[in-house]
Amino acid sequence: MSDDKSENWVFITPVFGVELTNAVKDELRIKRALLISKNKLPRIRKRLGISKKFSELKNTALGESIDDILKSSNTFAIVRHTANSKKAINDCRKIVQDELSILSASQLGWSKRRNNYNITVKENKSFSILQNILISTENDRRRTRHQLAQKVGDLSLASSWKSFCKQNFFFNLLKIINKKTSVSESWRKDIERVSILIGQSQNSDDIAHAFMWNMIALEVLLTRQGDKYTDVLPQRISAFLGWFRFWGTGKFSEKINEIYGKRCAFVHDGRKENITVPDLLFTDDILFNILTNLLAHTKLLSSKDDVINFARKVEAEQLLRIKTKVRPKTLRFISRSYTEEDFQNI
């Protein structure tokens, strides 16, 4: 049979860094990709359109490799796709990679960055150890440190995770990208792109790169081409969060201007040395609250035009010094507290 012929395929690949539980019935659909537990996989083969049992597939000429793959993880991603075999593999790998990033976005606000998990199709069979020696040139005092170079463990999709996602943005996000919530098509695509950026940020242990993914995500959500970002970004963030009672005393507007300056210095001059862990965690908090509010009010904010018009109306009310009638009373702000350890490690 020619590899150039287009066929209907079921693509199955092991996934690492995520644990499915009874809370999600051992499966979770992101968009095109279905995550399924190893134990449940054989029970849904007919749903997937696979006629033979997996035990029968193991007896084919390629049986040993199929068996090895099915034993390699407790979680699998499944995508149904139509193409020739080579294109199907490449397309499905990209779909899974992007949709695992969307799942990684659920860690925004849920866990501290230093406790995040790496959700990937690549298995970490061994973990690198960072080893350091620190010796004082004044008195020969010395210290050693051993640290894992990779984040270990699995994001457990348990009842506590599920409850948090329901209360905040993630399940609203899944409804939007799966067209279960009505928004403009361009806004739907923007939100999907933003969720992938957030997931890449949450998966990264490079402070500057994680910071940049967050900043780009904020720009996609709140600005459009032609805007003067230094002016409109703080104003539009303030429209959604400026009512928060510590907005002024916490100098949020000044901090937003500061992080945008660092973003520009990195993009235009390659200067990333001034981007700090507190900068990154600040963008996490802003992004989490903006996204939670945007996706909880899709009847009011069903397009980027709606978002921009909303921000302009709030600004007009503030200039006229009149009591706001634009902001819904259901807007929320969740403030997180951080320890010194959080600022030292991500």
C-alpha atoms as a PDB file:
ATOM      1  CA  MET A   1       0.000   0.000   0.000  1.00  0.00           C
ATOM      2  CA  SER A   2       1.379   3.412  -0.969  1.00  0.00           C
ATOM      3  CA  ASP A   3       2.358   5.781   1.831  1.00  0.00           C
ATOM      4  CA  ASP A   4       1.058   8.631  -0.379  1.00  0.00           C
ATOM      5  CA  LYS A   5      -2.550   7.492  -0.106  1.00  0.00           C
ATOM      6  CA  SER A   6      -4.777   9.523   2.222  1.00  0.00           C
ATOM      7  CA  GLU A   7      -6.398   7.363   4.910  1.00  0.00           C
ATOM      8  CA  ASN A   8      -8.261   7.717   8.191  1.00  0.00           C
ATOM      9  CA  TRP A   9      -5.812   7.193  11.065  1.00  0.00           C
ATOM     10  CA  VAL A  10      -5.906   6.895  14.834  1.00  0.00           C
ATOM     11  CA  PHE A  11      -2.710   8.389  16.215  1.00  0.00           C
ATOM     12  CA  ILE A  12      -1.724   7.178  19.698  1.00  0.00           C
ATOM     13  CA  THR A  13       1.270   8.525  21.608  1.00  0.00           C
ATOM     14  CA  PRO A  14       2.432   8.203  25.239  1.00  0.00           C
ATOM     15  CA  VAL A  15       2.214  11.334  27.389  1.00  0.00           C
ATOM     16  CA  PHE A  16       4.309  12.066  30.476  1.00  0.00           C
ATOM     17  CA  GLY A  17       3.821  14.506  33.329  1.00  0.00           C
ATOM     18  CA  VAL A  18       0.042  14.161  33.709  1.00  0.00           C
ATOM     19  CA  GLU A  19      -2.039  11.712  35.730  1.00  0.00           C
ATOM     20  CA  LEU A  20      -5.689  11.105  34.869  1.00  0.00           C
ATOM     21  CA  THR A  21      -7.981  10.188  37.773  1.00  0.00           C
ATOM     22  CA  ASN A  22     -11.569   9.193  38.519  1.00  0.00           C
ATOM     23  CA  ALA A  23     -12.372  12.911  38.932  1.00  0.00           C
ATOM     24  CA  VAL A  24     -12.172  13.280  35.139  1.00  0.00           C
ATOM     25  CA  LYS A  25     -13.297   9.676  34.459  1.00  0.00           C
ATOM     26  CA  ASP A  26      -9.763   8.772  33.332  1.00  0.00           C
ATOM     27  CA  GLU A  27     -10.003  10.913  30.208  1.00  0.00           C
ATOM     28  CA  LEU A  28      -9.913  14.546  29.131  1.00  0.00           C
ATOM     29  CA  ARG A  29     -10.550  16.005  25.709  1.00  0.00           C
ATOM     30  CA  ILE A  30      -8.571  19.160  25.024  1.00  0.00           C
ATOM     31  CA  LYS A  31      -9.655  19.902  21.435  1.00  0.00           C
ATOM     32  CA  ARG A  32      -8.569  17.429  18.784  1.00  0.00           C
ATOM     33  CA  ALA A  33      -6.533  15.412  21.274  1.00  0.00           C
ATOM     34  CA  LEU A  34      -8.132  13.021  23.758  1.00  0.00           C
ATOM     35  CA  LEU A  35      -6.083  12.119  26.826  1.00  0.00           C
ATOM     36  CA  ILE A  36      -6.895   8.641  28.101  1.00  0.00           C
ATOM     37  CA  SER A  37      -5.513   6.432  30.855  1.00  0.00           C
ATOM     38  CA  LYS A  38      -3.693   3.227  29.934  1.00  0.00           C
ATOM     39  CA  ASN A  39      -6.316   1.121  31.701  1.00  0.00           C
ATOM     40  CA  LYS A  40      -9.190   2.763  29.830  1.00  0.00           C
ATOM     41  CA  LEU A  41      -7.556   2.752  26.404  1.00  0.00           C
ATOM     42  CA  PRO A  42      -8.532  -0.855  25.464  1.00  0.00           C
ATOM     43  CA  ARG A  43     -12.171  -0.142  26.423  1.00  0.00           C
ATOM     44  CA  ILE A  44     -12.595   2.701  23.932  1.00  0.00           C
ATOM     45  CA  ARG A  45     -11.059   1.129  20.825  1.00  0.00           C
ATOM     46  CA  LYS A  46     -14.481   0.745  19.124  1.00  0.00           C
ATOM     47  CA  ARG A  47     -15.242   4.399  19.858  1.00  0.00           C
ATOM     48  CA  LEU A  48     -11.983   5.221  18.089  1.00  0.00           C
ATOM     49  CA  GLY A  49     -12.855   3.063  15.096  1.00  0.00           C
ATOM     50  CA  ILE A  50     -10.200   0.380  15.783  1.00  0.00           C
ATOM     51  CA  SER A  51     -11.701  -2.984  14.828  1.00  0.00           C
ATOM     52  CA  LYS A  52      -9.086  -5.314  16.334  1.00  0.00           C
ATOM     53  CA  LYS A  53      -8.249  -5.655  20.012  1.00  0.00           C
ATOM     54  CA  PHE A  54      -4.870  -4.288  21.037  1.00  0.00           C
ATOM     55  CA  SER A  55      -3.877  -7.826  22.022  1.00  0.00           C
ATOM     56  CA  GLU A  56      -4.408  -8.852  18.397  1.00  0.00           C
ATOM     57  CA  LEU A  57      -2.449  -5.874  17.097  1.00  0.00           C
ATOM     58  CA  LYS A  58       0.472  -6.968  19.280  1.00  0.00           C
ATOM     59  CA  ASN A  59       0.681 -10.165  17.221  1.00  0.00           C
ATOM     60  CA  THR A  60       1.438  -8.342  13.955  1.00  0.00           C
ATOM     61  CA  ALA A  61       4.911  -8.026  12.487  1.00  0.00           C
ATOM     62  CA  LEU A  62       5.341  -4.774  14.399  1.00  0.00           C
ATOM     63  CA  GLY A  63       3.798  -6.239  17.537  1.00  0.00           C
ATOM     64  CA  GLU A  64       6.816  -5.887  19.777  1.00  0.00           C
ATOM     65  CA  SER A  65       7.127  -2.122  19.195  1.00  0.00           C
ATOM     66  CA  ILE A  66       3.354  -1.616  19.669  1.00  0.00           C
ATOM     67  CA  ASP A  67       3.519  -3.542  22.932  1.00  0.00           C
ATOM     68  CA  ASP A  68       6.487  -1.473  24.131  1.00  0.00           C
ATOM     69  CA  ILE A  69       4.676   1.785  23.376  1.00  0.00           C
ATOM     70  CA  LEU A  70       1.494   0.705  25.159  1.00  0.00           C
ATOM     71  CA  LYS A  71       3.516  -0.209  28.255  1.00  0.00           C
ATOM     72  CA  SER A  72       5.602   2.979  28.284  1.00  0.00           C
ATOM     73  CA  SER A  73       3.198   5.355  30.049  1.00  0.00           C
ATOM     74  CA  ASN A  74       0.032   5.510  32.147  1.00  0.00           C
ATOM     75  CA  THR A  75      -1.433   8.241  29.925  1.00  0.00           C
ATOM     76  CA  PHE A  76      -1.899   8.451  26.153  1.00  0.00           C
ATOM     77  CA  ALA A  77      -2.961  11.149  23.700  1.00  0.00           C
ATOM     78  CA  ILE A  78      -5.196  10.103  20.802  1.00  0.00           C
ATOM     79  CA  VAL A  79      -5.943  12.064  17.625  1.00  0.00           C
ATOM     80  CA  ARG A  80      -8.071  10.978  14.666  1.00  0.00           C
ATOM     81  CA  HIS A  81      -6.782  12.393  11.416  1.00  0.00           C
ATOM     82  CA  THR A  82      -7.056  11.959   7.649  1.00  0.00           C
ATOM     83  CA  ALA A  83      -3.892  12.231   5.541  1.00  0.00           C
ATOM     84  CA  ASN A  84      -1.148  10.061   4.134  1.00  0.00           C
ATOM     85  CA  SER A  85       0.829   8.226   6.798  1.00  0.00           C
ATOM     86  CA  LYS A  86       3.852  10.553   6.880  1.00  0.00           C
ATOM     87  CA  LYS A  87       1.749  13.710   6.990  1.00  0.00           C
ATOM     88  CA  ALA A  88      -0.585  12.170   9.567  1.00  0.00           C
ATOM     89  CA  ILE A  89       2.307  11.548  11.980  1.00  0.00           C
ATOM     90  CA  ASN A  90       3.712  15.067  11.563  1.00  0.00           C
ATOM     91  CA  ASP A  91       0.283  16.727  11.834  1.00  0.00           C
ATOM     92  CA  CYS A  92      -0.746  14.702  14.872  1.00  0.00           C
ATOM     93  CA  ARG A  93       2.532  15.331  16.692  1.00  0.00           C
ATOM     94  CA  LYS A  94       1.976  19.086  16.261  1.00  0.00           C
ATOM     95  CA  ILE A  95      -1.643  18.822  17.435  1.00  0.00           C
ATOM     96  CA  VAL A  96      -0.638  16.887  20.563  1.00  0.00           C
ATOM     97  CA  GLN A  97       2.269  19.215  21.322  1.00  0.00           C
ATOM     98  CA  ASP A  98       0.056  22.317  21.125  1.00  0.00           C
ATOM     99  CA  GLU A  99      -2.783  20.769  23.108  1.00  0.00           C
ATOM    100  CA  LEU A 100      -0.473  19.573  25.871  1.00  0.00           C
ATOM    101  CA  SER A 101       0.629  23.216  26.100  1.00  0.00           C
ATOM    102  CA  ILE A 102      -3.042  24.147  26.522  1.00  0.00           C
ATOM    103  CA  LEU A 103      -3.306  21.642  29.376  1.00  0.00           C
ATOM    104  CA  SER A 104      -0.100  23.067  30.897  1.00  0.00           C
ATOM    105  CA  ALA A 105      -1.852  26.445  30.933  1.00  0.00           C
ATOM    106  CA  SER A 106      -4.173  25.060  33.638  1.00  0.00           C
ATOM    107  CA  GLN A 107      -1.208  25.313  36.028  1.00  0.00           C
ATOM    108  CA  LEU A 108      -1.411  29.136  35.823  1.00  0.00           C
ATOM    109  CA  GLY A 109      -2.770  30.153  39.216  1.00  0.00           C
ATOM    110  CA  TRP A 110      -3.168  26.541  40.326  1.00  0.00           C
ATOM    111  CA  SER A 111       0.376  25.803  41.440  1.00  0.00           C
ATOM    112  CA  LYS A 112       3.494  27.746  42.311  1.00  0.00           C
ATOM    113  CA  ARG A 113       5.936  27.815  39.409  1.00  0.00           C
ATOM    114  CA  ARG A 114       8.596  25.945  41.347  1.00  0.00           C
ATOM    115  CA  ASN A 115       6.030  23.138  41.808  1.00  0.00           C
ATOM    116  CA  ASN A 116       4.899  23.003  38.167  1.00  0.00           C
ATOM    117  CA  TYR A 117       5.052  19.809  36.142  1.00  0.00           C
ATOM    118  CA  ASN A 118       6.429  19.292  32.663  1.00  0.00           C
ATOM    119  CA  ILE A 119       3.715  17.814  30.435  1.00  0.00           C
ATOM    120  CA  THR A 120       5.335  16.328  27.349  1.00  0.00           C
ATOM    121  CA  VAL A 121       5.504  13.447  24.891  1.00  0.00           C
ATOM    122  CA  LYS A 122       9.187  12.991  25.757  1.00  0.00           C
ATOM    123  CA  GLU A 123       9.945  10.608  28.587  1.00  0.00           C
ATOM    124  CA  ASN A 124      12.620  11.645  31.083  1.00  0.00           C
ATOM    125  CA  LYS A 125      14.271   8.258  31.617  1.00  0.00           C
ATOM    126  CA  SER A 126      16.967   9.819  33.748  1.00  0.00           C
ATOM    127  CA  PHE A 127      17.153  13.085  35.625  1.00  0.00           C
ATOM    128  CA  SER A 128      20.167  15.340  35.432  1.00  0.00           C
ATOM    129  CA  ILE A 129      21.623  16.644  38.666  1.00  0.00           C
ATOM    130  CA  LEU A 130      23.060  20.137  38.945  1.00  0.00           C
ATOM    131  CA  GLN A 131      26.055  20.012  41.278  1.00  0.00           C
ATOM    132  CA  ASN A 132      27.768  23.115  42.616  1.00  0.00           C
ATOM    133  CA  ILE A 133      30.669  23.925  44.904  1.00  0.00           C
ATOM    134  CA  LEU A 134      30.949  27.332  46.578  1.00  0.00           C
ATOM    135  CA  ILE A 135      34.297  28.163  48.254  1.00  0.00           C
ATOM    136  CA  SER A 136      35.090  31.382  50.094  1.00  0.00           C
ATOM    137  CA  THR A 137      38.452  32.910  49.172  1.00  0.00           C
ATOM    138  CA  GLU A 138      38.578  34.580  52.583  1.00  0.00           C
ATOM    139  CA  ASN A 139      38.321  31.624  54.947  1.00  0.00           C
ATOM    140  CA  ASP A 140      37.958  28.490  52.788  1.00  0.00           C
ATOM    141  CA  ARG A 141      34.355  28.066  53.974  1.00  0.00           C
ATOM    142  CA  ARG A 142      32.594  25.872  51.455  1.00  0.00           C
ATOM    143  CA  ARG A 143      29.142  24.775  50.486  1.00  0.00           C
ATOM    144  CA  THR A 144      27.862  22.206  48.020  1.00  0.00           C
ATOM    145  CA  ARG A 145      24.445  21.972  46.436  1.00  0.00           C
ATOM    146  CA  HIS A 146      22.698  19.233  44.490  1.00  0.00           C
ATOM    147  CA  GLN A 147      19.550  20.050  42.559  1.00  0.00           C
ATOM    148  CA  LEU A 148      17.392  18.260  39.976  1.00  0.00           C
ATOM    149  CA  ALA A 149      17.718  19.881  36.559  1.00  0.00           C
ATOM    150  CA  GLN A 150      14.215  18.792  35.502  1.00  0.00           C
ATOM    151  CA  LYS A 151      10.862  19.083  37.195  1.00  0.00           C
ATOM    152  CA  VAL A 152       9.648  15.659  38.298  1.00  0.00           C
ATOM    153  CA  GLY A 153       6.220  14.211  38.979  1.00  0.00           C
ATOM    154  CA  ASP A 154       2.818  14.408  37.294  1.00  0.00           C
ATOM    155  CA  LEU A 155       0.086  17.016  37.232  1.00  0.00           C
ATOM    156  CA  SER A 156      -2.768  15.080  38.835  1.00  0.00           C
ATOM    157  CA  LEU A 157      -6.137  15.857  37.282  1.00  0.00           C
ATOM    158  CA  ALA A 158      -7.819  15.132  40.607  1.00  0.00           C
ATOM    159  CA  SER A 159     -10.938  16.639  42.181  1.00  0.00           C
ATOM    160  CA  SER A 160      -9.049  19.626  43.643  1.00  0.00           C
ATOM    161  CA  TRP A 161      -7.568  20.493  40.213  1.00  0.00           C
ATOM    162  CA  LYS A 162     -10.980  20.043  38.580  1.00  0.00           C
ATOM    163  CA  SER A 163     -12.691  22.282  41.138  1.00  0.00           C
ATOM    164  CA  PHE A 164     -10.079  25.033  40.694  1.00  0.00           C
ATOM    165  CA  CYS A 165     -10.399  24.881  36.898  1.00  0.00           C
ATOM    166  CA  LYS A 166     -14.185  25.177  37.124  1.00  0.00           C
ATOM    167  CA  GLN A 167     -13.952  28.236  39.375  1.00  0.00           C
ATOM    168  CA  ASN A 168     -11.383  29.991  37.201  1.00  0.00           C
ATOM    169  CA  PHE A 169     -10.508  30.175  33.514  1.00  0.00           C
ATOM    170  CA  PHE A 170      -9.473  26.731  32.268  1.00  0.00           C
ATOM    171  CA  PHE A 171     -12.784  24.941  31.672  1.00  0.00           C
ATOM    172  CA  ASN A 172     -14.231  28.161  30.220  1.00  0.00           C
ATOM    173  CA  LEU A 173     -11.237  28.156  27.873  1.00  0.00           C
ATOM    174  CA  LEU A 174     -11.931  24.571  26.767  1.00  0.00           C
ATOM    175  CA  LYS A 175     -15.571  25.462  26.048  1.00  0.00           C
ATOM    176  CA  ILE A 176     -14.473  28.384  23.876  1.00  0.00           C
ATOM    177  CA  ILE A 177     -11.856  26.535  21.810  1.00  0.00           C
ATOM    178  CA  ASN A 178     -14.297  23.632  21.324  1.00  0.00           C
ATOM    179  CA  LYS A 179     -17.044  26.040  20.129  1.00  0.00           C
ATOM    180  CA  LYS A 180     -19.347  25.292  23.055  1.00  0.00           C
ATOM    181  CA  THR A 181     -19.345  28.988  24.002  1.00  0.00           C
ATOM    182  CA  SER A 182     -20.304  31.572  21.393  1.00  0.00           C
ATOM    183  CA  VAL A 183     -17.586  34.133  20.610  1.00  0.00           C
ATOM    184  CA  SER A 184     -16.255  35.592  17.366  1.00  0.00           C
ATOM    185  CA  GLU A 185     -14.069  33.200  15.369  1.00  0.00           C
ATOM    186  CA  SER A 186     -11.057  35.529  15.470  1.00  0.00           C
ATOM    187  CA  TRP A 187     -11.402  35.855  19.260  1.00  0.00           C
ATOM    188  CA  ARG A 188     -11.614  32.069  19.576  1.00  0.00           C
ATOM    189  CA  LYS A 189      -8.370  31.705  17.641  1.00  0.00           C
ATOM    190  CA  ASP A 190      -6.703  34.419  19.746  1.00  0.00           C
ATOM    191  CA  ILE A 191      -7.700  32.646  22.957  1.00  0.00           C
ATOM    192  CA  GLU A 192      -6.378  29.323  21.685  1.00  0.00           C
ATOM    193  CA  ARG A 193      -3.051  30.924  20.723  1.00  0.00           C
ATOM    194  CA  VAL A 194      -2.863  32.594  24.119  1.00  0.00           C
ATOM    195  CA  SER A 195      -3.454  29.293  25.920  1.00  0.00           C
ATOM    196  CA  ILE A 196      -0.597  27.657  24.005  1.00  0.00           C
ATOM    197  CA  LEU A 197       1.716  30.567  24.890  1.00  0.00           C
ATOM    198  CA  ILE A 198       0.733  30.316  28.563  1.00  0.00           C
ATOM    199  CA  GLY A 199       1.383  26.584  28.571  1.00  0.00           C
ATOM    200  CA  GLN A 200       4.811  27.078  27.015  1.00  0.00           C
ATOM    201  CA  SER A 201       5.544  29.666  29.665  1.00  0.00           C
ATOM    202  CA  GLN A 202       4.400  27.385  32.480  1.00  0.00           C
ATOM    203  CA  ASN A 203       6.551  24.549  31.121  1.00  0.00           C
ATOM    204  CA  SER A 204       9.681  26.705  30.794  1.00  0.00           C
ATOM    205  CA  ASP A 205      12.388  27.041  33.427  1.00  0.00           C
ATOM    206  CA  ASP A 206      14.039  29.904  31.521  1.00  0.00           C
ATOM    207  CA  ILE A 207      12.897  33.057  33.340  1.00  0.00           C
ATOM    208  CA  ALA A 208      13.269  35.462  30.405  1.00  0.00           C
ATOM    209  CA  HIS A 209      11.568  33.204  27.881  1.00  0.00           C
ATOM    210  CA  ALA A 210       8.693  32.373  30.248  1.00  0.00           C
ATOM    211  CA  PHE A 211       8.301  36.125  30.900  1.00  0.00           C
ATOM    212  CA  MET A 212       8.161  36.838  27.159  1.00  0.00           C
ATOM    213  CA  TRP A 213       5.476  34.204  26.494  1.00  0.00           C
ATOM    214  CA  ASN A 214       3.384  35.848  29.226  1.00  0.00           C
ATOM    215  CA  MET A 215       3.878  39.330  27.803  1.00  0.00           C
ATOM    216  CA  ILE A 216       2.971  38.215  24.288  1.00  0.00           C
ATOM    217  CA  ALA A 217      -0.143  36.496  25.672  1.00  0.00           C
ATOM    218  CA  LEU A 218      -1.223  39.740  27.373  1.00  0.00           C
ATOM    219  CA  GLU A 219      -0.669  41.678  24.155  1.00  0.00           C
ATOM    220  CA  VAL A 220      -2.710  39.188  22.112  1.00  0.00           C
ATOM    221  CA  LEU A 221      -5.575  39.454  24.598  1.00  0.00           C
ATOM    222  CA  LEU A 222      -5.647  43.226  25.059  1.00  0.00           C
ATOM    223  CA  THR A 223      -4.087  44.980  22.056  1.00  0.00           C
ATOM    224  CA  ARG A 224      -4.239  45.021  18.291  1.00  0.00           C
ATOM    225  CA  GLN A 225      -1.883  46.077  15.531  1.00  0.00           C
ATOM    226  CA  GLY A 226      -1.361  49.824  15.476  1.00  0.00           C
ATOM    227  CA  ASP A 227      -1.854  50.341  19.215  1.00  0.00           C
ATOM    228  CA  LYS A 228       0.810  52.181  21.173  1.00  0.00           C
ATOM    229  CA  TYR A 229       1.400  49.404  23.666  1.00  0.00           C
ATOM    230  CA  THR A 230       3.129  51.551  26.286  1.00  0.00           C
ATOM    231  CA  ASP A 231      -0.083  53.568  26.607  1.00  0.00           C
ATOM    232  CA  VAL A 232      -2.869  51.081  26.016  1.00  0.00           C
ATOM    233  CA  LEU A 233      -1.594  47.978  27.830  1.00  0.00           C
ATOM    234  CA  PRO A 234      -1.562  49.507  31.357  1.00  0.00           C
ATOM    235  CA  GLN A 235      -4.892  51.243  30.681  1.00  0.00           C
ATOM    236  CA  ARG A 236      -6.604  48.050  29.466  1.00  0.00           C
ATOM    237  CA  ILE A 237      -5.258  45.959  32.314  1.00  0.00           C
ATOM    238  CA  SER A 238      -6.495  48.659  34.691  1.00  0.00           C
ATOM    239  CA  ALA A 239      -9.957  48.535  33.110  1.00  0.00           C
ATOM    240  CA  PHE A 240     -10.320  44.935  34.276  1.00  0.00           C
ATOM    241  CA  LEU A 241      -8.316  44.985  37.493  1.00  0.00           C
ATOM    242  CA  GLY A 242      -7.951  48.619  38.562  1.00  0.00           C
ATOM    243  CA  TRP A 243     -10.935  48.409  40.942  1.00  0.00           C
ATOM    244  CA  PHE A 244      -8.906  46.034  43.160  1.00  0.00           C
ATOM    245  CA  ARG A 245      -8.421  47.873  46.471  1.00  0.00           C
ATOM    246  CA  PHE A 246      -4.641  47.426  46.506  1.00  0.00           C
ATOM    247  CA  TRP A 247      -4.203  48.509  42.871  1.00  0.00           C
ATOM    248  CA  GLY A 248      -2.974  51.972  43.840  1.00  0.00           C
ATOM    249  CA  THR A 249      -1.055  51.148  47.003  1.00  0.00           C
ATOM    250  CA  GLY A 250       0.546  48.171  45.285  1.00  0.00           C
ATOM    251  CA  LYS A 251       1.710  50.469  42.448  1.00  0.00           C
ATOM    252  CA  PHE A 252       0.351  48.084  39.811  1.00  0.00           C
ATOM    253  CA  SER A 253       0.368  50.693  37.020  1.00  0.00           C
ATOM    254  CA  GLU A 254       4.023  51.508  37.689  1.00  0.00           C
ATOM    255  CA  LYS A 255       4.927  47.811  37.736  1.00  0.00           C
ATOM    256  CA  ILE A 256       3.138  47.211  34.420  1.00  0.00           C
ATOM    257  CA  ASN A 257       5.099  50.052  32.807  1.00  0.00           C
ATOM    258  CA  GLU A 258       8.298  48.621  34.282  1.00  0.00           C
ATOM    259  CA  ILE A 259       7.763  45.082  32.991  1.00  0.00           C
ATOM    260  CA  TYR A 260       6.810  46.394  29.554  1.00  0.00           C
ATOM    261  CA  GLY A 261      10.069  48.333  29.488  1.00  0.00           C
ATOM    262  CA  LYS A 262      11.939  45.113  30.290  1.00  0.00           C
ATOM    263  CA  ARG A 263      10.025  43.312  27.556  1.00  0.00           C
ATOM    264  CA  CYS A 264      11.111  45.950  25.003  1.00  0.00           C
ATOM    265  CA  ALA A 265      14.731  45.857  26.176  1.00  0.00           C
ATOM    266  CA  PHE A 266      14.765  42.072  25.692  1.00  0.00           C
ATOM    267  CA  VAL A 267      13.098  42.160  22.252  1.00  0.00           C
ATOM    268  CA  HIS A 268      15.037  45.082  20.790  1.00  0.00           C
ATOM    269  CA  ASP A 269      18.401  44.886  22.531  1.00  0.00           C
ATOM    270  CA  GLY A 270      18.637  41.295  23.752  1.00  0.00           C
ATOM    271  CA  ARG A 271      18.849  42.521  27.344  1.00  0.00           C
ATOM    272  CA  LYS A 272      17.352  39.884  29.570  1.00  0.00           C
ATOM    273  CA  GLU A 273      19.541  40.324  32.642  1.00  0.00           C
ATOM    274  CA  ASN A 274      17.038  42.685  34.287  1.00  0.00           C
ATOM    275  CA  ILE A 275      14.123  40.239  34.021  1.00  0.00           C
ATOM    276  CA  THR A 276      13.662  38.687  37.464  1.00  0.00           C
ATOM    277  CA  VAL A 277      11.576  35.928  39.024  1.00  0.00           C
ATOM    278  CA  PRO A 278       9.332  38.560  40.747  1.00  0.00           C
ATOM    279  CA  ASP A 279       8.730  40.099  37.282  1.00  0.00           C
ATOM    280  CA  LEU A 280       7.666  36.706  35.949  1.00  0.00           C
ATOM    281  CA  LEU A 281       5.391  35.956  38.904  1.00  0.00           C
ATOM    282  CA  PHE A 282       3.813  39.407  38.582  1.00  0.00           C
ATOM    283  CA  THR A 283       2.943  38.685  34.924  1.00  0.00           C
ATOM    284  CA  ASP A 284       1.552  35.279  35.999  1.00  0.00           C
ATOM    285  CA  ASP A 285      -0.810  36.986  38.438  1.00  0.00           C
ATOM    286  CA  ILE A 286      -1.934  39.670  35.980  1.00  0.00           C
ATOM    287  CA  LEU A 287      -2.453  37.144  33.182  1.00  0.00           C
ATOM    288  CA  PHE A 288      -4.358  34.740  35.425  1.00  0.00           C
ATOM    289  CA  ASN A 289      -6.780  37.425  36.605  1.00  0.00           C
ATOM    290  CA  ILE A 290      -7.256  38.991  33.160  1.00  0.00           C
ATOM    291  CA  LEU A 291      -7.967  35.621  31.565  1.00  0.00           C
ATOM    292  CA  THR A 292     -10.309  34.510  34.360  1.00  0.00           C
ATOM    293  CA  ASN A 293     -12.358  37.712  34.004  1.00  0.00           C
ATOM    294  CA  LEU A 294     -12.386  37.740  30.200  1.00  0.00           C
ATOM    295  CA  LEU A 295     -13.541  34.146  29.858  1.00  0.00           C
ATOM    296  CA  ALA A 296     -16.172  34.438  32.602  1.00  0.00           C
ATOM    297  CA  HIS A 297     -17.910  37.308  30.770  1.00  0.00           C
ATOM    298  CA  THR A 298     -18.181  36.135  27.165  1.00  0.00           C
ATOM    299  CA  LYS A 299     -21.682  37.590  26.739  1.00  0.00           C
ATOM    300  CA  LEU A 300     -20.210  41.028  27.373  1.00  0.00           C
ATOM    301  CA  LEU A 301     -16.806  40.308  25.819  1.00  0.00           C
ATOM    302  CA  SER A 302     -17.272  38.058  22.796  1.00  0.00           C
ATOM    303  CA  SER A 303     -14.609  39.676  20.583  1.00  0.00           C
ATOM    304  CA  LYS A 304     -11.459  41.753  20.846  1.00  0.00           C
ATOM    305  CA  ASP A 305     -13.471  44.797  19.740  1.00  0.00           C
ATOM    306  CA  ASP A 306     -15.705  44.235  22.776  1.00  0.00           C
ATOM    307  CA  VAL A 307     -12.649  44.080  25.030  1.00  0.00           C
ATOM    308  CA  ILE A 308     -11.177  47.302  23.646  1.00  0.00           C
ATOM    309  CA  ASN A 309     -14.524  49.155  23.721  1.00  0.00           C
ATOM    310  CA  PHE A 310     -15.058  48.029  27.322  1.00  0.00           C
ATOM    311  CA  ALA A 311     -11.653  49.388  28.337  1.00  0.00           C
ATOM    312  CA  ARG A 312     -12.329  52.700  26.578  1.00  0.00           C
ATOM    313  CA  LYS A 313     -15.675  53.120  28.357  1.00  0.00           C
ATOM    314  CA  VAL A 314     -14.062  52.455  31.734  1.00  0.00           C
ATOM    315  CA  GLU A 315     -11.364  55.015  30.936  1.00  0.00           C
ATOM    316  CA  ALA A 316     -14.017  57.571  29.946  1.00  0.00           C
ATOM    317  CA  GLU A 317     -15.858  57.046  33.235  1.00  0.00           C
ATOM    318  CA  GLN A 318     -12.615  57.575  35.128  1.00  0.00           C
ATOM    319  CA  LEU A 319     -11.833  60.797  33.231  1.00  0.00           C
ATOM    320  CA  LEU A 320     -15.331  62.112  33.982  1.00  0.00           C
ATOM    321  CA  ARG A 321     -14.990  60.933  37.572  1.00  0.00           C
ATOM    322  CA  ILE A 322     -18.344  59.209  37.536  1.00  0.00           C
ATOM    323  CA  LYS A 323     -19.287  55.982  39.257  1.00  0.00           C
ATOM    324  CA  THR A 324     -18.713  53.051  36.938  1.00  0.00           C
ATOM    325  CA  LYS A 325     -21.685  51.453  35.233  1.00  0.00           C
ATOM    326  CA  VAL A 326     -19.562  49.503  32.782  1.00  0.00           C
ATOM    327  CA  ARG A 327     -17.642  47.113  35.007  1.00  0.00           C
ATOM    328  CA  PRO A 328     -19.651  44.037  36.038  1.00  0.00           C
ATOM    329  CA  LYS A 329     -19.818  43.482  39.779  1.00  0.00           C
ATOM    330  CA  THR A 330     -18.713  39.900  39.118  1.00  0.00           C
ATOM    331  CA  LEU A 331     -15.127  40.865  38.190  1.00  0.00           C
ATOM    332  CA  ARG A 332     -12.617  39.100  40.443  1.00  0.00           C
ATOM    333  CA  PHE A 333      -9.045  39.513  41.570  1.00  0.00           C
ATOM    334  CA  ILE A 334      -7.175  36.646  43.223  1.00  0.00           C
ATOM    335  CA  SER A 335      -4.021  37.838  44.966  1.00  0.00           C
ATOM    336  CA  ARG A 336      -1.278  35.300  45.586  1.00  0.00           C
ATOM    337  CA  SER A 337       1.362  35.428  48.268  1.00  0.00           C
ATOM    338  CA  TYR A 338       4.949  34.375  47.641  1.00  0.00           C
ATOM    339  CA  THR A 339       7.800  33.356  49.905  1.00  0.00           C
ATOM    340  CA  GLU A 340      11.473  34.092  49.502  1.00  0.00           C
ATOM    341  CA  GLU A 341      11.886  30.546  48.185  1.00  0.00           C
ATOM    342  CA  ASP A 342       9.348  31.261  45.418  1.00  0.00           C
ATOM    343  CA  PHE A 343      11.412  34.260  44.307  1.00  0.00           C
ATOM    344  CA  GLN A 344      14.616  32.238  44.220  1.00  0.00           C
ATOM    345  CA  ASN A 345      13.391  29.262  42.178  1.00  0.00           C
ATOM    346  CA  ILE A 346      10.911  28.490  39.438  1.00  0.00           C
END
